[in-house]
Every structure is written in structure tokens, then in C-alpha cells.
Amino acid sequence: MLVHLLKTLEGMQEVILLHVVSRVETREEIDNDVTDASERLAAHQQDLAAAGISAIPRVRVGDPTEMTRQREPRTAA
């Protein structure tokens, strides 16, 4: 992941970190992959927080194309 690049962008305040689990066969594999991805994104989230960037981790299961097309609901500032 290009977390180091995100930290160099001027004005970067918030990012969404998305990982899509797509190549699994059993429920156990899905659960394991979701857990692994969640842990990796949490580490990236902490790294970005140390640089003053708010990161929102999201792990989804399904087709990566469809998951990246979905928009996150905006929250009121």
C-alpha cells in the first residue's frame, strides 16, 4: 500500500482505506481474510494518524469492481 505517498500529499486530511476480499471458497477463508485485512488496515490507519491524516478502514467481501463503485455516505462536518 502506498501509505507513504499519502503522507506526502499536501492538504490530505482524510482517506478511506478499502480492501475487498474476493478470492475465497469457504466461510472460514472469508473470515480469516477479513481478519487479516482488518489488522493490516488498522496498522495503516495508525501510521496515517501519526502524520495527521484521518483514515477510515473498510473491508468488504465481493467483487472488487462493484465494491469500489459504491460510495461511502457523507457525514456532516
PDB file of N, CA and C in Angstrom:
ATOM      1  N   MET A   1       0.852  -1.182   0.000  1.00  0.00           N
ATOM      2  CA  MET A   1       0.000   0.000   0.000  1.00  0.00           C
ATOM      3  C   MET A   1       0.890   1.233   0.000  1.00  0.00           C
ATOM      4  N   LEU A   2       0.420   2.264  -0.622  1.00  0.00           N
ATOM      5  CA  LEU A   2       1.204   3.478  -0.780  1.00  0.00           C
ATOM      6  C   LEU A   2       0.909   4.495   0.322  1.00  0.00           C
ATOM      7  N   VAL A   3       0.942   4.027   1.546  1.00  0.00           N
ATOM      8  CA  VAL A   3       0.671   4.910   2.682  1.00  0.00           C
ATOM      9  C   VAL A   3       1.699   6.030   2.726  1.00  0.00           C
ATOM     10  N   HIS A   4       2.955   5.718   2.429  1.00  0.00           N
ATOM     11  CA  HIS A   4       3.988   6.758   2.468  1.00  0.00           C
ATOM     12  C   HIS A   4       3.687   7.869   1.473  1.00  0.00           C
ATOM     13  N   LEU A   5       3.089   7.540   0.328  1.00  0.00           N
ATOM     14  CA  LEU A   5       2.718   8.561  -0.650  1.00  0.00           C
ATOM     15  C   LEU A   5       1.601   9.452  -0.107  1.00  0.00           C
ATOM     16  N   LEU A   6       0.605   8.856   0.526  1.00  0.00           N
ATOM     17  CA  LEU A   6      -0.491   9.638   1.090  1.00  0.00           C
ATOM     18  C   LEU A   6       0.021  10.662   2.099  1.00  0.00           C
ATOM     19  N   LYS A   7       1.044  10.277   2.847  1.00  0.00           N
ATOM     20  CA  LYS A   7       1.583  11.174   3.872  1.00  0.00           C
ATOM     21  C   LYS A   7       2.315  12.366   3.273  1.00  0.00           C
ATOM     22  N   THR A   8       2.689  12.301   2.000  1.00  0.00           N
ATOM     23  CA  THR A   8       3.422  13.403   1.379  1.00  0.00           C
ATOM     24  C   THR A   8       2.508  14.391   0.655  1.00  0.00           C
ATOM     25  N   LEU A   9       1.249  14.059   0.494  1.00  0.00           N
ATOM     26  CA  LEU A   9       0.335  14.932  -0.247  1.00  0.00           C
ATOM     27  C   LEU A   9      -0.123  16.098   0.624  1.00  0.00           C
ATOM     28  N   GLU A  10       0.110  17.297   0.136  1.00  0.00           N
ATOM     29  CA  GLU A  10      -0.299  18.492   0.876  1.00  0.00           C
ATOM     30  C   GLU A  10      -1.817  18.573   0.961  1.00  0.00           C
ATOM     31  N   GLY A  11      -2.314  18.922   2.128  1.00  0.00           N
ATOM     32  CA  GLY A  11      -3.741  19.108   2.311  1.00  0.00           C
ATOM     33  C   GLY A  11      -4.525  17.829   2.547  1.00  0.00           C
ATOM     34  N   MET A  12      -3.855  16.695   2.543  1.00  0.00           N
ATOM     35  CA  MET A  12      -4.539  15.419   2.774  1.00  0.00           C
ATOM     36  C   MET A  12      -5.005  15.386   4.226  1.00  0.00           C
ATOM     37  N   GLN A  13      -6.315  15.255   4.415  1.00  0.00           N
ATOM     38  CA  GLN A  13      -6.867  15.249   5.765  1.00  0.00           C
ATOM     39  C   GLN A  13      -7.559  13.942   6.113  1.00  0.00           C
ATOM     40  N   GLU A  14      -8.200  13.327   5.113  1.00  0.00           N
ATOM     41  CA  GLU A  14      -8.951  12.114   5.392  1.00  0.00           C
ATOM     42  C   GLU A  14      -8.935  11.202   4.167  1.00  0.00           C
ATOM     43  N   VAL A  15      -8.783   9.905   4.420  1.00  0.00           N
ATOM     44  CA  VAL A  15      -8.825   8.913   3.346  1.00  0.00           C
ATOM     45  C   VAL A  15      -9.654   7.719   3.802  1.00  0.00           C
ATOM     46  N   ILE A  16     -10.174   6.993   2.832  1.00  0.00           N
ATOM     47  CA  ILE A  16     -10.840   5.727   3.108  1.00  0.00           C
ATOM     48  C   ILE A  16      -9.932   4.622   2.595  1.00  0.00           C
ATOM     49  N   LEU A  17      -9.581   3.708   3.471  1.00  0.00           N
ATOM     50  CA  LEU A  17      -8.747   2.572   3.103  1.00  0.00           C
ATOM     51  C   LEU A  17      -9.677   1.390   2.845  1.00  0.00           C
ATOM     52  N   LEU A  18      -9.723   0.936   1.606  1.00  0.00           N
ATOM     53  CA  LEU A  18     -10.647  -0.132   1.224  1.00  0.00           C
ATOM     54  C   LEU A  18      -9.882  -1.373   0.814  1.00  0.00           C
ATOM     55  N   HIS A  19     -10.260  -2.506   1.401  1.00  0.00           N
ATOM     56  CA  HIS A  19      -9.735  -3.812   0.988  1.00  0.00           C
ATOM     57  C   HIS A  19     -10.936  -4.698   0.677  1.00  0.00           C
ATOM     58  N   VAL A  20     -10.918  -5.325  -0.506  1.00  0.00           N
ATOM     59  CA  VAL A  20     -12.013  -6.199  -0.906  1.00  0.00           C
ATOM     60  C   VAL A  20     -11.519  -7.638  -0.936  1.00  0.00           C
ATOM     61  N   VAL A  21     -12.151  -8.479  -0.133  1.00  0.00           N
ATOM     62  CA  VAL A  21     -11.861  -9.914  -0.112  1.00  0.00           C
ATOM     63  C   VAL A  21     -12.680 -10.534  -1.238  1.00  0.00           C
ATOM     64  N   SER A  22     -11.977 -11.162  -2.200  1.00  0.00           N
ATOM     65  CA  SER A  22     -12.719 -11.670  -3.357  1.00  0.00           C
ATOM     66  C   SER A  22     -12.362 -13.100  -3.748  1.00  0.00           C
ATOM     67  N   ARG A  23     -11.196 -13.583  -3.369  1.00  0.00           N
ATOM     68  CA  ARG A  23     -10.775 -14.915  -3.811  1.00  0.00           C
ATOM     69  C   ARG A  23     -10.808 -15.905  -2.651  1.00  0.00           C
ATOM     70  N   VAL A  24     -11.976 -16.314  -2.286  1.00  0.00           N
ATOM     71  CA  VAL A  24     -12.137 -17.263  -1.188  1.00  0.00           C
ATOM     72  C   VAL A  24     -13.176 -18.307  -1.566  1.00  0.00           C
ATOM     73  N   GLU A  25     -13.110 -19.440  -0.887  1.00  0.00           N
ATOM     74  CA  GLU A  25     -14.035 -20.527  -1.214  1.00  0.00           C
ATOM     75  C   GLU A  25     -14.945 -20.904  -0.048  1.00  0.00           C
ATOM     76  N   THR A  26     -14.439 -20.786   1.162  1.00  0.00           N
ATOM     77  CA  THR A  26     -15.231 -21.211   2.312  1.00  0.00           C
ATOM     78  C   THR A  26     -15.469 -20.029   3.255  1.00  0.00           C
ATOM     79  N   ARG A  27     -16.436 -20.185   4.137  1.00  0.00           N
ATOM     80  CA  ARG A  27     -16.731 -19.151   5.128  1.00  0.00           C
ATOM     81  C   ARG A  27     -15.511 -18.915   6.020  1.00  0.00           C
ATOM     82  N   GLU A  28     -14.789 -19.988   6.359  1.00  0.00           N
ATOM     83  CA  GLU A  28     -13.596 -19.866   7.193  1.00  0.00           C
ATOM     84  C   GLU A  28     -12.526 -19.019   6.491  1.00  0.00           C
ATOM     85  N   GLU A  29     -12.343 -19.228   5.186  1.00  0.00           N
ATOM     86  CA  GLU A  29     -11.378 -18.423   4.435  1.00  0.00           C
ATOM     87  C   GLU A  29     -11.793 -16.957   4.403  1.00  0.00           C
ATOM     88  N   ILE A  30     -13.077 -16.724   4.220  1.00  0.00           N
ATOM     89  CA  ILE A  30     -13.578 -15.345   4.232  1.00  0.00           C
ATOM     90  C   ILE A  30     -13.275 -14.689   5.571  1.00  0.00           C
ATOM     91  N   ASP A  31     -13.623 -15.386   6.653  1.00  0.00           N
ATOM     92  CA  ASP A  31     -13.400 -14.835   7.989  1.00  0.00           C
ATOM     93  C   ASP A  31     -11.918 -14.551   8.234  1.00  0.00           C
ATOM     94  N   ASN A  32     -11.058 -15.480   7.841  1.00  0.00           N
ATOM     95  CA  ASN A  32      -9.611 -15.300   8.024  1.00  0.00           C
ATOM     96  C   ASN A  32      -9.093 -14.113   7.208  1.00  0.00           C
ATOM     97  N   ASP A  33      -9.522 -14.018   5.949  1.00  0.00           N
ATOM     98  CA  ASP A  33      -9.064 -12.923   5.096  1.00  0.00           C
ATOM     99  C   ASP A  33      -9.568 -11.570   5.596  1.00  0.00           C
ATOM    100  N   VAL A  34     -10.802 -11.530   6.080  1.00  0.00           N
ATOM    101  CA  VAL A  34     -11.350 -10.290   6.626  1.00  0.00           C
ATOM    102  C   VAL A  34     -10.562  -9.870   7.870  1.00  0.00           C
ATOM    103  N   THR A  35     -10.256 -10.821   8.727  1.00  0.00           N
ATOM    104  CA  THR A  35      -9.475 -10.523   9.929  1.00  0.00           C
ATOM    105  C   THR A  35      -8.088 -10.010   9.574  1.00  0.00           C
ATOM    106  N   ASP A  36      -7.416 -10.692   8.648  1.00  0.00           N
ATOM    107  CA  ASP A  36      -6.077 -10.262   8.229  1.00  0.00           C
ATOM    108  C   ASP A  36      -6.109  -8.860   7.627  1.00  0.00           C
ATOM    109  N   ALA A  37      -7.072  -8.616   6.750  1.00  0.00           N
ATOM    110  CA  ALA A  37      -7.182  -7.310   6.105  1.00  0.00           C
ATOM    111  C   ALA A  37      -7.487  -6.220   7.133  1.00  0.00           C
ATOM    112  N   SER A  38      -8.348  -6.517   8.076  1.00  0.00           N
ATOM    113  CA  SER A  38      -8.690  -5.537   9.116  1.00  0.00           C
ATOM    114  C   SER A  38      -7.465  -5.157   9.936  1.00  0.00           C
ATOM    115  N   GLU A  39      -6.645  -6.134  10.250  1.00  0.00           N
ATOM    116  CA  GLU A  39      -5.431  -5.866  11.018  1.00  0.00           C
ATOM    117  C   GLU A  39      -4.443  -5.008  10.225  1.00  0.00           C
ATOM    118  N   ARG A  40      -4.284  -5.319   8.938  1.00  0.00           N
ATOM    119  CA  ARG A  40      -3.372  -4.528   8.095  1.00  0.00           C
ATOM    120  C   ARG A  40      -3.866  -3.092   7.948  1.00  0.00           C
ATOM    121  N   LEU A  41      -5.173  -2.930   7.719  1.00  0.00           N
ATOM    122  CA  LEU A  41      -5.710  -1.580   7.573  1.00  0.00           C
ATOM    123  C   LEU A  41      -5.614  -0.793   8.873  1.00  0.00           C
ATOM    124  N   ALA A  42      -5.782  -1.460   9.996  1.00  0.00           N
ATOM    125  CA  ALA A  42      -5.652  -0.779  11.292  1.00  0.00           C
ATOM    126  C   ALA A  42      -4.228  -0.260  11.481  1.00  0.00           C
ATOM    127  N   ALA A  43      -3.242  -1.041  11.058  1.00  0.00           N
ATOM    128  CA  ALA A  43      -1.844  -0.592  11.145  1.00  0.00           C
ATOM    129  C   ALA A  43      -1.612   0.622  10.249  1.00  0.00           C
ATOM    130  N   HIS A  44      -2.170   0.601   9.041  1.00  0.00           N
ATOM    131  CA  HIS A  44      -2.047   1.752   8.139  1.00  0.00           C
ATOM    132  C   HIS A  44      -2.771   2.964   8.716  1.00  0.00           C
ATOM    133  N   GLN A  45      -3.916   2.721   9.345  1.00  0.00           N
ATOM    134  CA  GLN A  45      -4.682   3.803   9.953  1.00  0.00           C
ATOM    135  C   GLN A  45      -3.850   4.502  11.033  1.00  0.00           C
ATOM    136  N   GLN A  46      -3.173   3.727  11.867  1.00  0.00           N
ATOM    137  CA  GLN A  46      -2.338   4.304  12.921  1.00  0.00           C
ATOM    138  C   GLN A  46      -1.161   5.082  12.333  1.00  0.00           C
ATOM    139  N   ASP A  47      -0.561   4.531  11.284  1.00  0.00           N
ATOM    140  CA  ASP A  47       0.557   5.196  10.622  1.00  0.00           C
ATOM    141  C   ASP A  47       0.123   6.548  10.062  1.00  0.00           C
ATOM    142  N   LEU A  48      -1.026   6.571   9.425  1.00  0.00           N
ATOM    143  CA  LEU A  48      -1.529   7.823   8.863  1.00  0.00           C
ATOM    144  C   LEU A  48      -1.929   8.807   9.964  1.00  0.00           C
ATOM    145  N   ALA A  49      -2.502   8.305  11.048  1.00  0.00           N
ATOM    146  CA  ALA A  49      -2.894   9.184  12.162  1.00  0.00           C
ATOM    147  C   ALA A  49      -1.674   9.901  12.733  1.00  0.00           C
ATOM    148  N   ALA A  50      -0.551   9.203  12.779  1.00  0.00           N
ATOM    149  CA  ALA A  50       0.679   9.816  13.279  1.00  0.00           C
ATOM    150  C   ALA A  50       1.123  10.973  12.378  1.00  0.00           C
ATOM    151  N   ALA A  51       0.696  10.950  11.118  1.00  0.00           N
ATOM    152  CA  ALA A  51       1.024  12.025  10.179  1.00  0.00           C
ATOM    153  C   ALA A  51      -0.097  13.059  10.098  1.00  0.00           C
ATOM    154  N   GLY A  52      -1.108  12.931  10.956  1.00  0.00           N
ATOM    155  CA  GLY A  52      -2.195  13.895  10.995  1.00  0.00           C
ATOM    156  C   GLY A  52      -3.291  13.651   9.964  1.00  0.00           C
ATOM    157  N   ILE A  53      -3.353  12.434   9.428  1.00  0.00           N
ATOM    158  CA  ILE A  53      -4.363  12.101   8.425  1.00  0.00           C
ATOM    159  C   ILE A  53      -5.348  11.112   9.029  1.00  0.00           C
ATOM    160  N   SER A  54      -6.619  11.454   8.957  1.00  0.00           N
ATOM    161  CA  SER A  54      -7.665  10.567   9.443  1.00  0.00           C
ATOM    162  C   SER A  54      -7.928   9.499   8.383  1.00  0.00           C
ATOM    163  N   ALA A  55      -7.900   8.235   8.774  1.00  0.00           N
ATOM    164  CA  ALA A  55      -8.140   7.140   7.837  1.00  0.00           C
ATOM    165  C   ALA A  55      -9.295   6.288   8.333  1.00  0.00           C
ATOM    166  N   ILE A  56     -10.188   5.960   7.414  1.00  0.00           N
ATOM    167  CA  ILE A  56     -11.345   5.136   7.732  1.00  0.00           C
ATOM    168  C   ILE A  56     -11.150   3.781   7.056  1.00  0.00           C
ATOM    169  N   PRO A  57     -10.904   2.727   7.835  1.00  0.00           N
ATOM    170  CA  PRO A  57     -10.695   1.414   7.220  1.00  0.00           C
ATOM    171  C   PRO A  57     -12.024   0.739   6.886  1.00  0.00           C
ATOM    172  N   ARG A  58     -12.076   0.115   5.717  1.00  0.00           N
ATOM    173  CA  ARG A  58     -13.267  -0.621   5.280  1.00  0.00           C
ATOM    174  C   ARG A  58     -12.822  -1.933   4.649  1.00  0.00           C
ATOM    175  N   VAL A  59     -13.400  -3.028   5.099  1.00  0.00           N
ATOM    176  CA  VAL A  59     -13.163  -4.337   4.492  1.00  0.00           C
ATOM    177  C   VAL A  59     -14.507  -4.828   3.980  1.00  0.00           C
ATOM    178  N   ARG A  60     -14.542  -5.192   2.717  1.00  0.00           N
ATOM    179  CA  ARG A  60     -15.764  -5.682   2.091  1.00  0.00           C
ATOM    180  C   ARG A  60     -15.484  -7.046   1.457  1.00  0.00           C
ATOM    181  N   VAL A  61     -16.536  -7.811   1.265  1.00  0.00           N
ATOM    182  CA  VAL A  61     -16.436  -9.118   0.617  1.00  0.00           C
ATOM    183  C   VAL A  61     -17.266  -9.060  -0.659  1.00  0.00           C
ATOM    184  N   GLY A  62     -16.656  -9.431  -1.779  1.00  0.00           N
ATOM    185  CA  GLY A  62     -17.396  -9.429  -3.035  1.00  0.00           C
ATOM    186  C   GLY A  62     -16.516  -9.115  -4.221  1.00  0.00           C
ATOM    187  N   ASP A  63     -17.138  -8.567  -5.243  1.00  0.00           N
ATOM    188  CA  ASP A  63     -16.458  -8.211  -6.478  1.00  0.00           C
ATOM    189  C   ASP A  63     -15.766  -6.860  -6.302  1.00  0.00           C
ATOM    190  N   PRO A  64     -14.444  -6.806  -6.491  1.00  0.00           N
ATOM    191  CA  PRO A  64     -13.728  -5.541  -6.286  1.00  0.00           C
ATOM    192  C   PRO A  64     -14.268  -4.390  -7.135  1.00  0.00           C
ATOM    193  N   THR A  65     -14.665  -4.679  -8.363  1.00  0.00           N
ATOM    194  CA  THR A  65     -15.187  -3.621  -9.232  1.00  0.00           C
ATOM    195  C   THR A  65     -16.446  -3.011  -8.636  1.00  0.00           C
ATOM    196  N   GLU A  66     -17.338  -3.860  -8.176  1.00  0.00           N
ATOM    197  CA  GLU A  66     -18.578  -3.360  -7.587  1.00  0.00           C
ATOM    198  C   GLU A  66     -18.329  -2.629  -6.274  1.00  0.00           C
ATOM    199  N   MET A  67     -17.422  -3.146  -5.473  1.00  0.00           N
ATOM    200  CA  MET A  67     -17.160  -2.528  -4.171  1.00  0.00           C
ATOM    201  C   MET A  67     -16.539  -1.144  -4.318  1.00  0.00           C
ATOM    202  N   THR A  68     -15.670  -0.952  -5.315  1.00  0.00           N
ATOM    203  CA  THR A  68     -15.037   0.353  -5.480  1.00  0.00           C
ATOM    204  C   THR A  68     -15.986   1.363  -6.103  1.00  0.00           C
ATOM    205  N   ARG A  69     -17.037   0.886  -6.746  1.00  0.00           N
ATOM    206  CA  ARG A  69     -18.036   1.791  -7.325  1.00  0.00           C
ATOM    207  C   ARG A  69     -18.987   2.337  -6.277  1.00  0.00           C
ATOM    208  N   GLN A  70     -19.138   1.628  -5.181  1.00  0.00           N
ATOM    209  CA  GLN A  70     -20.047   2.075  -4.127  1.00  0.00           C
ATOM    210  C   GLN A  70     -19.445   3.280  -3.430  1.00  0.00           C
ATOM    211  N   ARG A  71     -20.279   4.214  -3.116  1.00  0.00           N
ATOM    212  CA  ARG A  71     -19.815   5.417  -2.430  1.00  0.00           C
ATOM    213  C   ARG A  71     -20.143   5.323  -0.949  1.00  0.00           C
ATOM    214  N   GLU A  72     -19.234   5.851  -0.164  1.00  0.00           N
ATOM    215  CA  GLU A  72     -19.462   5.966   1.265  1.00  0.00           C
ATOM    216  C   GLU A  72     -20.439   7.109   1.514  1.00  0.00           C
ATOM    217  N   PRO A  73     -21.371   6.931   2.432  1.00  0.00           N
ATOM    218  CA  PRO A  73     -22.249   8.067   2.777  1.00  0.00           C
ATOM    219  C   PRO A  73     -21.433   9.175   3.408  1.00  0.00           C
ATOM    220  N   ARG A  74     -21.697  10.389   3.036  1.00  0.00           N
ATOM    221  CA  ARG A  74     -21.001  11.548   3.591  1.00  0.00           C
ATOM    222  C   ARG A  74     -21.545  11.856   4.980  1.00  0.00           C
ATOM    223  N   THR A  75     -20.663  12.245   5.865  1.00  0.00           N
ATOM    224  CA  THR A  75     -21.100  12.648   7.202  1.00  0.00           C
ATOM    225  C   THR A  75     -21.030  14.166   7.287  1.00  0.00           C
ATOM    226  N   ALA A  76     -21.894  14.712   8.070  1.00  0.00           N
ATOM    227  CA  ALA A  76     -21.895  16.165   8.254  1.00  0.00           C
ATOM    228  C   ALA A  76     -20.683  16.579   9.058  1.00  0.00           C
ATOM    229  N   ALA A  77     -20.033  17.622   8.625  1.00  0.00           N
ATOM    230  CA  ALA A  77     -18.834  18.108   9.313  1.00  0.00           C
ATOM    231  C   ALA A  77     -19.184  18.902  10.535  1.00  0.00           C
TER     232      ALA A  77
END
